[in-house]
Amino acid sequence: MYMRLSKKQLGLAFVGLVAVGFLIISLNESIMRTAKTIYLIARVSPYEQTIPEGPTILVLGDSTGYGTGADKKEDSIAGLIGQDLSEYTIENNSKNGRTIGELLEVVKSLRSEHDLILLQIGGNDILQKRDINMVETELRQIIKLLGQRTENLIMISSGNVGGAVAFSGSKAKEYENLTRNFRDMFIEVSVDTTMEYVDLFVEPENDVFVQEPKTYFSWDGLHPSSAGYATWYQSLAPVLKKTLSR
């Protein structure tokens, strides 16, 4: 026995099927992006180098400190520092997915002293839409603790998270606004602490990541490619060298 559906019921059923279809597509895209990121993580490792009795630079970071997205670890920020400052020992404590709150726990257990510490962190706090006031409190605690471990503290975060290929439409705009808010907070913190903040944010109309995403983003559409890291390093390098020359 067959049930006859009205036009309204058929219409609702069609809308439901379309919604399910979009959900499946969205889930598939998310799964594929995660798989791509896992591959990008697997092909590199955090760059380090040891120079006996040499001065030390410590990188404390997230996936961008780890070098995820680069073709090889030498193309990461830490790798580029190593090529540029070959006389320095580079230690790298970076972990994919790490937030500023999670870094605070790492810093609490830090006992070594360094000529310079680079914080490469903050992108995951934006992606997870963490409470900005809480993140600010955590960052200020990190800066205070690291003041006992170095005289030179520099921070870089992400560029415009909303400009990533992984996001579009309202989600991209939301992440761009979040990036702007976090960026303002990072700058404000740097003004009244010992930390120097290197701003990587560029307005979309001038941002090479937005204008040429296939070149500057990696395969997962979220992390920088080797070219992307090189662009970030162009902003960091002058500050790094000026700080170390003091």
Protein backbone atom coordinates (compact mmCIF):
# COMPACT_ATOMS: atom_id res chain seq x y z
CA MET A 1 0.00 0.00 0.00
CA TYR A 2 1.50 3.34 -1.04
CA MET A 3 1.11 6.64 0.80
CA ARG A 4 0.31 9.63 -1.34
CA LEU A 5 2.15 12.75 -0.30
CA SER A 6 0.81 16.24 -0.81
CA LYS A 7 2.80 18.82 -2.77
CA LYS A 8 3.70 20.50 0.50
CA GLN A 9 4.98 17.25 1.97
CA LEU A 10 6.94 16.51 -1.18
CA GLY A 11 8.43 19.98 -1.04
CA LEU A 12 9.47 19.56 2.58
CA ALA A 13 10.95 16.15 1.80
CA PHE A 14 12.97 17.64 -1.07
CA VAL A 15 14.27 20.46 1.12
CA GLY A 16 15.24 17.89 3.74
CA LEU A 17 17.12 15.80 1.20
CA VAL A 18 18.96 18.86 -0.07
CA ALA A 19 19.92 19.81 3.49
CA VAL A 20 21.20 16.30 4.16
CA GLY A 21 23.15 16.45 0.90
CA PHE A 22 24.83 19.71 1.88
CA LEU A 23 25.61 18.29 5.33
CA ILE A 24 27.26 15.24 3.77
CA ILE A 25 29.28 17.43 1.42
CA SER A 26 30.32 19.67 4.32
CA LEU A 27 31.35 16.69 6.43
CA ASN A 28 33.29 15.22 3.53
CA GLU A 29 35.12 18.52 3.00
CA SER A 30 35.96 18.68 6.71
CA ILE A 31 37.21 15.09 6.70
CA MET A 32 39.28 15.69 3.59
CA ARG A 33 40.81 18.86 5.03
CA THR A 34 41.70 17.02 8.24
CA ALA A 35 43.29 14.20 6.24
CA LYS A 36 45.32 16.72 4.24
CA THR A 37 46.50 18.44 7.42
CA ILE A 38 47.55 15.11 8.95
CA TYR A 39 49.63 14.46 5.84
CA LEU A 40 51.22 17.91 6.06
CA ILE A 41 52.11 17.30 9.72
CA ALA A 42 53.66 13.93 8.90
CA ARG A 43 56.02 15.23 6.22
CA VAL A 44 57.88 17.69 8.46
CA SER A 45 59.20 17.90 12.00
CA PRO A 46 60.03 20.98 14.11
CA TYR A 47 63.31 22.46 12.86
CA GLU A 48 66.17 22.52 15.35
CA GLN A 49 69.92 23.00 15.15
CA THR A 50 72.71 22.67 17.68
CA ILE A 51 75.79 24.89 17.71
CA PRO A 52 78.13 23.85 20.53
CA GLU A 53 78.45 26.69 23.05
CA GLY A 54 76.41 28.92 20.72
CA PRO A 55 73.74 31.39 21.83
CA THR A 56 70.21 29.98 21.82
CA ILE A 57 66.86 30.85 20.34
CA LEU A 58 63.80 29.01 21.66
CA VAL A 59 60.66 28.74 19.54
CA LEU A 60 57.46 28.12 21.48
CA GLY A 61 54.68 27.55 18.99
CA ASP A 62 51.67 25.85 17.50
CA SER A 63 51.41 24.18 14.07
CA THR A 64 53.02 27.18 12.38
CA GLY A 65 55.97 26.90 14.77
CA TYR A 66 56.03 23.19 13.96
CA GLY A 67 56.21 24.03 10.25
CA THR A 68 52.99 22.35 9.11
CA GLY A 69 52.37 23.19 5.46
CA ALA A 70 56.00 23.70 4.49
CA ASP A 71 57.54 21.41 1.88
CA LYS A 72 60.39 20.67 4.28
CA LYS A 73 61.28 21.74 7.80
CA GLU A 74 64.01 24.08 6.56
CA ASP A 75 61.26 26.19 4.97
CA SER A 76 59.52 26.81 8.31
CA ILE A 77 60.10 29.98 10.32
CA ALA A 78 62.54 28.15 12.61
CA GLY A 79 64.29 26.70 9.56
CA LEU A 80 64.62 30.11 7.94
CA ILE A 81 66.02 31.53 11.17
CA GLY A 82 68.54 28.67 11.20
CA GLN A 83 69.69 29.46 7.67
CA ASP A 84 69.89 33.17 8.42
CA LEU A 85 71.51 32.88 11.86
CA SER A 86 73.71 29.83 11.51
CA GLU A 87 75.70 30.65 14.65
CA TYR A 88 72.66 30.13 16.89
CA THR A 89 71.39 26.96 18.50
CA ILE A 90 67.66 26.68 17.83
CA GLU A 91 65.39 24.75 20.16
CA ASN A 92 61.82 24.19 19.05
CA ASN A 93 58.95 23.32 21.36
CA SER A 94 55.97 23.52 19.01
CA LYS A 95 52.84 21.41 18.88
CA ASN A 96 49.98 21.25 16.38
CA GLY A 97 46.71 22.57 17.78
CA ARG A 98 48.30 24.34 20.77
CA THR A 99 46.54 27.40 22.18
CA ILE A 100 47.98 30.22 24.28
CA GLY A 101 46.36 28.64 27.34
CA GLU A 102 48.10 25.34 26.65
CA LEU A 103 51.40 27.13 26.07
CA LEU A 104 51.08 28.72 29.52
CA GLU A 105 51.33 25.27 31.09
CA VAL A 106 54.51 24.59 29.08
CA VAL A 107 56.05 27.90 30.12
CA LYS A 108 55.36 27.22 33.79
CA SER A 109 57.71 24.24 33.64
CA LEU A 110 60.44 25.98 31.62
CA ARG A 111 63.76 26.22 33.45
CA SER A 112 66.32 27.07 30.75
CA GLU A 113 67.49 30.56 29.77
CA HIS A 114 67.79 31.78 26.18
CA ASP A 115 69.17 34.73 24.25
CA LEU A 116 65.81 35.10 22.54
CA ILE A 117 62.42 33.39 22.76
CA LEU A 118 60.01 33.49 19.83
CA LEU A 119 56.32 32.91 20.50
CA GLN A 120 54.60 31.65 17.36
CA ILE A 121 51.09 31.22 18.71
CA GLY A 122 47.50 32.51 18.66
CA GLY A 123 45.97 31.05 15.51
CA ASN A 124 44.20 28.24 17.34
CA ASP A 125 42.76 30.66 19.89
CA ILE A 126 41.12 32.45 16.96
CA LEU A 127 39.98 29.23 15.28
CA GLN A 128 38.46 27.99 18.53
CA LYS A 129 36.85 31.39 19.17
CA ARG A 130 38.27 31.47 22.69
CA ASP A 131 37.32 34.25 25.07
CA ILE A 132 39.67 37.10 24.22
CA ASN A 133 39.89 38.42 27.79
CA MET A 134 40.95 35.00 29.05
CA VAL A 135 43.56 34.72 26.29
CA GLU A 136 44.92 38.15 27.17
CA THR A 137 45.29 37.12 30.81
CA GLU A 138 47.10 33.92 29.78
CA LEU A 139 49.43 35.81 27.43
CA ARG A 140 50.36 38.34 30.11
CA GLN A 141 51.17 35.48 32.48
CA ILE A 142 53.38 33.90 29.81
CA ILE A 143 55.25 37.16 29.26
CA LYS A 144 55.82 37.62 32.99
CA LEU A 145 57.17 34.07 33.38
CA LEU A 146 59.39 34.28 30.29
CA GLY A 147 60.89 37.49 31.61
CA GLN A 148 62.82 35.22 33.96
CA ARG A 149 64.17 33.18 31.03
CA THR A 150 65.16 35.78 28.44
CA GLU A 151 65.76 39.48 27.89
CA ASN A 152 64.41 39.27 24.35
CA LEU A 153 60.85 38.12 23.67
CA ILE A 154 59.17 38.37 20.26
CA MET A 155 55.73 37.17 19.20
CA ILE A 156 54.18 36.45 15.83
CA SER A 157 50.73 34.99 15.32
CA SER A 158 48.81 34.16 12.16
CA GLY A 159 47.95 36.45 9.31
CA ASN A 160 44.27 36.93 8.49
CA VAL A 161 42.61 33.64 9.47
CA GLY A 162 39.49 34.70 7.56
CA GLY A 163 41.55 34.91 4.38
CA ALA A 164 42.31 31.18 4.45
CA VAL A 165 41.03 29.12 1.51
CA ALA A 166 39.34 26.82 4.04
CA PHE A 167 36.75 29.51 4.81
CA SER A 168 34.26 31.43 2.71
CA GLY A 169 31.20 33.63 3.07
CA SER A 170 30.00 34.52 6.55
CA LYS A 171 32.48 32.17 8.23
CA ALA A 172 35.41 33.88 6.51
CA LYS A 173 34.11 37.27 7.60
CA GLU A 174 33.63 36.06 11.17
CA TYR A 175 37.21 34.79 11.34
CA GLU A 176 38.53 37.99 9.80
CA ASN A 177 36.76 40.03 12.49
CA LEU A 178 38.09 37.71 15.20
CA THR A 179 41.61 38.07 13.77
CA ARG A 180 41.32 41.85 13.89
CA ASN A 181 40.16 41.76 17.52
CA PHE A 182 42.94 39.41 18.61
CA ARG A 183 45.50 41.42 16.66
CA ASP A 184 44.45 44.61 18.48
CA MET A 185 44.80 42.78 21.79
CA PHE A 186 48.26 41.43 20.92
CA ILE A 187 49.44 44.92 19.97
CA GLU A 188 48.01 46.40 23.17
CA VAL A 189 49.76 43.77 25.29
CA SER A 190 53.06 44.42 23.52
CA VAL A 191 52.83 48.16 24.23
CA ASP A 192 52.90 47.76 28.00
CA THR A 193 55.05 44.64 28.37
CA THR A 194 58.56 43.54 27.38
CA MET A 195 57.22 41.52 24.43
CA GLU A 196 57.69 42.80 20.88
CA TYR A 197 54.85 41.89 18.53
CA VAL A 198 55.51 41.48 14.80
CA ASP A 199 52.24 42.11 12.98
CA LEU A 200 51.57 39.73 10.08
CA PHE A 201 48.06 41.01 9.32
CA VAL A 202 47.61 42.60 5.90
CA GLU A 203 44.40 44.09 4.56
CA PRO A 204 42.75 41.62 2.12
CA GLU A 205 43.19 43.85 -0.93
CA ASN A 206 46.95 43.84 -0.37
CA ASP A 207 47.35 40.36 1.10
CA VAL A 208 49.27 37.94 -1.15
CA PHE A 209 47.64 35.03 0.72
CA VAL A 210 44.25 36.28 -0.44
CA GLN A 211 45.36 37.35 -3.91
CA GLU A 212 47.41 34.22 -4.70
CA PRO A 213 46.12 31.46 -2.40
CA LYS A 214 47.50 28.59 -4.48
CA THR A 215 51.01 29.94 -3.96
CA TYR A 216 50.93 31.01 -0.34
CA PHE A 217 48.60 28.45 1.26
CA SER A 218 49.44 24.78 1.59
CA TRP A 219 47.37 21.86 0.37
CA ASP A 220 44.85 22.00 3.23
CA GLY A 221 43.93 25.63 2.52
CA LEU A 222 44.68 26.63 6.11
CA HIS A 223 48.43 26.52 6.82
CA PRO A 224 51.06 28.57 4.96
CA SER A 225 53.05 26.94 2.19
CA SER A 226 56.83 27.29 2.00
CA ALA A 227 56.24 30.54 0.09
CA GLY A 228 53.83 31.65 2.82
CA TYR A 229 56.37 31.07 5.57
CA ALA A 230 58.99 32.94 3.55
CA THR A 231 56.62 35.92 3.33
CA TRP A 232 56.08 35.88 7.09
CA TYR A 233 59.82 35.70 7.66
CA GLN A 234 60.35 38.86 5.63
CA SER A 235 58.41 40.70 8.34
CA LEU A 236 60.10 38.89 11.24
CA ALA A 237 63.74 38.91 10.11
CA PRO A 238 64.53 42.66 10.53
CA VAL A 239 63.04 42.71 14.04
CA LEU A 240 64.83 39.49 14.97
CA LYS A 241 68.22 40.75 13.83
CA LYS A 242 67.78 44.19 15.39
CA THR A 243 66.82 42.61 18.72
CA LEU A 244 69.78 40.22 18.74
CA SER A 245 72.22 42.97 17.82
CA ARG A 246 71.52 44.93 20.99
